[in-house]
Protein backbone atom coordinates (compact mmCIF):
# COMPACT_ATOMS: atom_id res chain seq x y z
CA MET A 1 -40.53 7.19 61.40
CA ALA A 2 -42.17 7.08 58.00
CA VAL A 3 -39.31 9.17 56.63
CA TRP A 4 -36.77 6.33 56.57
CA PRO A 5 -38.69 4.07 54.19
CA VAL A 6 -39.34 7.01 51.84
CA ALA A 7 -35.67 8.08 51.99
CA ALA A 8 -34.55 4.50 51.37
CA PHE A 9 -36.95 4.27 48.43
CA PHE A 10 -35.52 7.46 46.84
CA LEU A 11 -31.92 6.48 47.57
CA GLY A 12 -32.52 3.04 46.02
CA GLY A 13 -34.04 4.64 42.94
CA LEU A 14 -31.14 7.08 42.70
CA ALA A 15 -28.62 4.25 43.04
CA THR A 16 -30.43 2.28 40.33
CA GLN A 17 -30.40 5.30 38.00
CA LEU A 18 -26.70 5.95 38.70
CA THR A 19 -25.82 2.31 38.08
CA GLY A 20 -27.83 2.33 34.84
CA TRP A 21 -26.13 5.52 33.67
CA LEU A 22 -22.65 4.17 34.48
CA THR A 23 -23.44 0.91 32.67
CA HIS A 24 -24.67 2.85 29.64
CA ARG A 25 -21.48 4.98 29.59
CA ARG A 26 -19.28 1.89 29.86
CA GLN A 27 -21.15 0.13 27.06
CA GLN A 28 -21.00 3.25 24.89
CA LYS A 29 -17.23 3.50 25.43
CA GLU A 30 -16.81 -0.20 24.58
CA ARG A 31 -18.83 0.27 21.35
CA GLN A 32 -16.64 3.23 20.40
CA GLN A 33 -13.50 1.22 21.09
CA ASP A 34 -14.84 -1.70 19.05
CA ALA A 35 -15.73 0.64 16.17
CA ALA A 36 -12.26 2.22 16.30
CA ALA A 37 -10.62 -1.23 16.33
CA ALA A 38 -12.75 -2.37 13.38
CA LEU A 39 -11.85 0.78 11.44
CA HIS A 40 -8.16 0.26 12.20
CA GLU A 41 -8.39 -3.36 11.08
CA ARG A 42 -10.16 -2.40 7.82
CA ARG A 43 -7.50 0.24 7.15
CA GLU A 44 -4.68 -2.26 7.73
CA THR A 45 -6.38 -4.89 5.56
CA PHE A 46 -6.86 -2.33 2.77
CA GLU A 47 -3.25 -1.16 3.01
CA LEU A 48 -1.82 -4.69 3.12
CA GLU A 49 -3.86 -5.84 0.15
CA HIS A 50 -2.89 -2.87 -1.99
CA LEU A 51 0.78 -2.89 -1.02
CA GLN A 52 1.04 -6.58 -1.91
CA ARG A 53 -0.69 -6.00 -5.24
CA LEU A 54 1.53 -2.98 -5.90
CA ASN A 55 4.68 -4.95 -5.14
CA GLU A 56 3.59 -7.60 -7.66
CA ALA A 57 2.63 -4.94 -10.24
CA LEU A 58 6.06 -3.31 -9.91
CA GLN A 59 7.63 -6.70 -10.53
CA VAL A 60 5.50 -7.20 -13.66
CA LEU A 61 6.40 -3.71 -14.90
CA SER A 62 10.08 -4.38 -14.26
CA ARG A 63 9.95 -7.62 -16.24
CA ALA A 64 8.11 -6.01 -19.15
CA THR A 65 10.57 -3.10 -19.16
CA ALA A 66 13.49 -5.54 -19.11
CA GLN A 67 12.03 -7.42 -22.08
CA ALA A 68 11.53 -4.18 -24.02
CA HIS A 69 15.05 -3.04 -23.11
CA HIS A 70 16.46 -6.37 -24.26
CA ALA A 71 14.58 -6.10 -27.58
CA ASP A 72 15.91 -2.57 -28.11
CA MET A 73 19.46 -3.64 -27.17
CA MET A 74 19.28 -6.51 -29.68
CA ALA A 75 18.07 -4.13 -32.38
CA SER A 76 20.87 -1.69 -31.52
CA ARG A 77 23.45 -4.32 -32.49
CA GLU A 78 22.48 -3.73 -36.11
CA THR A 79 21.80 0.01 -36.03
CA ARG A 80 24.33 0.96 -33.33
CA LEU A 81 21.60 3.17 -31.84
CA TYR A 82 19.13 2.39 -29.09
CA GLY A 83 15.41 2.86 -29.61
CA GLY A 84 13.47 3.86 -32.66
CA GLU A 85 12.29 0.33 -33.40
CA MET A 86 8.70 -0.74 -32.82
CA LEU A 87 8.18 -3.25 -30.04
CA PRO A 88 6.17 -6.40 -30.73
CA ASP A 89 2.46 -5.82 -30.06
CA GLU A 90 2.34 -8.29 -27.16
CA LEU A 91 5.25 -6.61 -25.40
CA ASP A 92 3.87 -3.13 -26.05
CA GLU A 93 0.52 -4.21 -24.56
CA ALA A 94 2.23 -5.83 -21.56
CA LEU A 95 4.08 -2.57 -20.85
CA ARG A 96 0.89 -0.56 -21.17
CA VAL A 97 -1.08 -2.79 -18.82
CA ALA A 98 1.77 -2.99 -16.29
CA ASN A 99 2.13 0.79 -16.28
CA GLN A 100 -1.60 1.22 -15.86
CA ASP A 101 -1.68 -1.23 -12.92
CA VAL A 102 1.20 0.48 -11.11
CA TYR A 103 -0.33 3.90 -11.75
CA MET A 104 -3.71 2.80 -10.39
CA LEU A 105 -2.28 1.08 -7.31
CA ALA A 106 0.15 3.92 -6.54
CA GLY A 107 -2.81 6.25 -6.07
CA LEU A 108 -4.10 3.99 -3.28
CA VAL A 109 -0.89 4.03 -1.22
CA LEU A 110 -1.71 5.70 2.09
CA ASP A 111 1.83 6.84 2.94
CA ASP A 112 2.56 10.04 0.98
CA GLU A 113 6.33 9.50 0.80
CA LEU A 114 5.97 5.90 -0.33
CA ARG A 115 3.39 6.92 -2.94
CA GLU A 116 5.83 9.48 -4.37
CA GLN A 117 8.64 6.91 -4.35
CA VAL A 118 6.46 4.48 -6.32
CA LYS A 119 5.62 7.19 -8.86
CA ALA A 120 9.31 8.08 -9.19
CA ALA A 121 10.28 4.43 -9.73
CA ARG A 122 7.61 4.02 -12.40
CA SER A 123 8.74 7.22 -14.08
CA SER A 124 12.36 6.11 -13.93
CA LEU A 125 11.56 2.84 -15.70
CA ASN A 126 9.54 4.71 -18.32
CA GLN A 127 12.45 6.99 -19.24
CA LEU A 128 13.58 4.28 -21.64
CA ALA A 129 10.46 4.78 -23.74
CA GLY A 130 11.60 8.31 -24.57
CA MET A 131 15.11 7.29 -25.54
CA ILE A 132 15.17 7.23 -29.33
CA ARG A 133 18.35 6.90 -31.37
CA VAL A 134 20.75 7.20 -28.45
CA ASP A 135 23.93 5.37 -27.52
CA PRO A 136 23.08 1.90 -26.16
CA SER A 137 25.39 2.33 -23.15
CA GLU A 138 23.43 5.47 -22.14
CA ALA A 139 20.17 3.54 -22.37
CA ASP A 140 21.66 0.68 -20.38
CA ALA A 141 22.71 3.09 -17.61
CA VAL A 142 19.18 4.56 -17.49
CA PHE A 143 17.72 1.04 -17.37
CA MET A 144 19.97 0.01 -14.47
CA ALA A 145 19.16 3.21 -12.55
CA GLY A 146 15.44 2.57 -13.04
CA TYR A 147 15.78 -1.02 -11.91
CA GLN A 148 17.71 0.11 -8.82
CA GLU A 149 14.95 2.58 -7.97
CA VAL A 150 12.32 -0.14 -8.29
CA TRP A 151 14.31 -2.46 -6.00
CA GLU A 152 14.59 0.27 -3.38
CA THR A 153 10.87 0.95 -3.66
CA GLN A 154 10.03 -2.73 -3.30
CA ASP A 155 12.28 -2.90 -0.23
CA ARG A 156 10.35 0.03 1.27
CA ILE A 157 7.01 -1.61 0.44
CA ALA A 158 8.17 -4.85 2.06
CA ALA A 159 9.29 -2.92 5.16
CA ARG A 160 5.86 -1.28 5.42
CA ILE A 161 4.12 -4.66 5.07
CA ARG A 162 6.29 -6.03 7.89
CA GLU A 163 5.46 -2.99 10.05
CA ILE A 164 1.75 -3.59 9.58
CA TYR A 165 2.03 -7.27 10.46
CA LEU A 166 4.16 -6.53 13.51
CA SER A 167 1.81 -3.83 14.77
CA SER A 168 -1.17 -6.14 14.25
CA ALA A 169 0.53 -8.86 16.26
CA SER A 170 1.44 -6.49 19.07
CA ASP A 171 -2.12 -5.08 19.16
CA LEU A 172 -3.50 -8.46 20.21
CA THR A 173 -4.52 -8.46 23.81
CA PRO A 174 -5.25 -11.57 25.87
CA ALA A 175 -8.98 -10.72 25.69
CA ARG A 176 -8.89 -10.66 21.88
CA ARG A 177 -6.92 -13.88 21.57
CA ALA A 178 -9.65 -15.88 23.27
């Protein structure tokens, strides 16, 4: 007769331990999921911020390159040759800073293919700097090809930004919306 109370005592203790262990496992899994979600959110925030800054930096570089190209094209009207003339200090500095910004931000692009495309676009725009005493129409063709490459790169950056926003919106669950 005294066995039933002892057995009930041990079974109750075992049930309490099992319940505690299951609760601990569930809480641990929830913490891991929360940590993974926070890491994913930080990664997306980092990528969005840098892609937006890169898109703007490419636009600044494109404008500075266009201004330098225009200055060289105007000078070529007198010399009949493109390049070889010194750019105004302000424009030279604007090109340097724009190139530096794109270079720095390109290194932070997470997608390897997109990073290489950004580097190629920057390089394509910078081909003009090496064109000294060439036919203006050749320089104009190189300029237009560089601009086209930048546009395609900016389109790809914009597509990636949209992907991130769409995946963030679809990741919202009813529990997280509350």
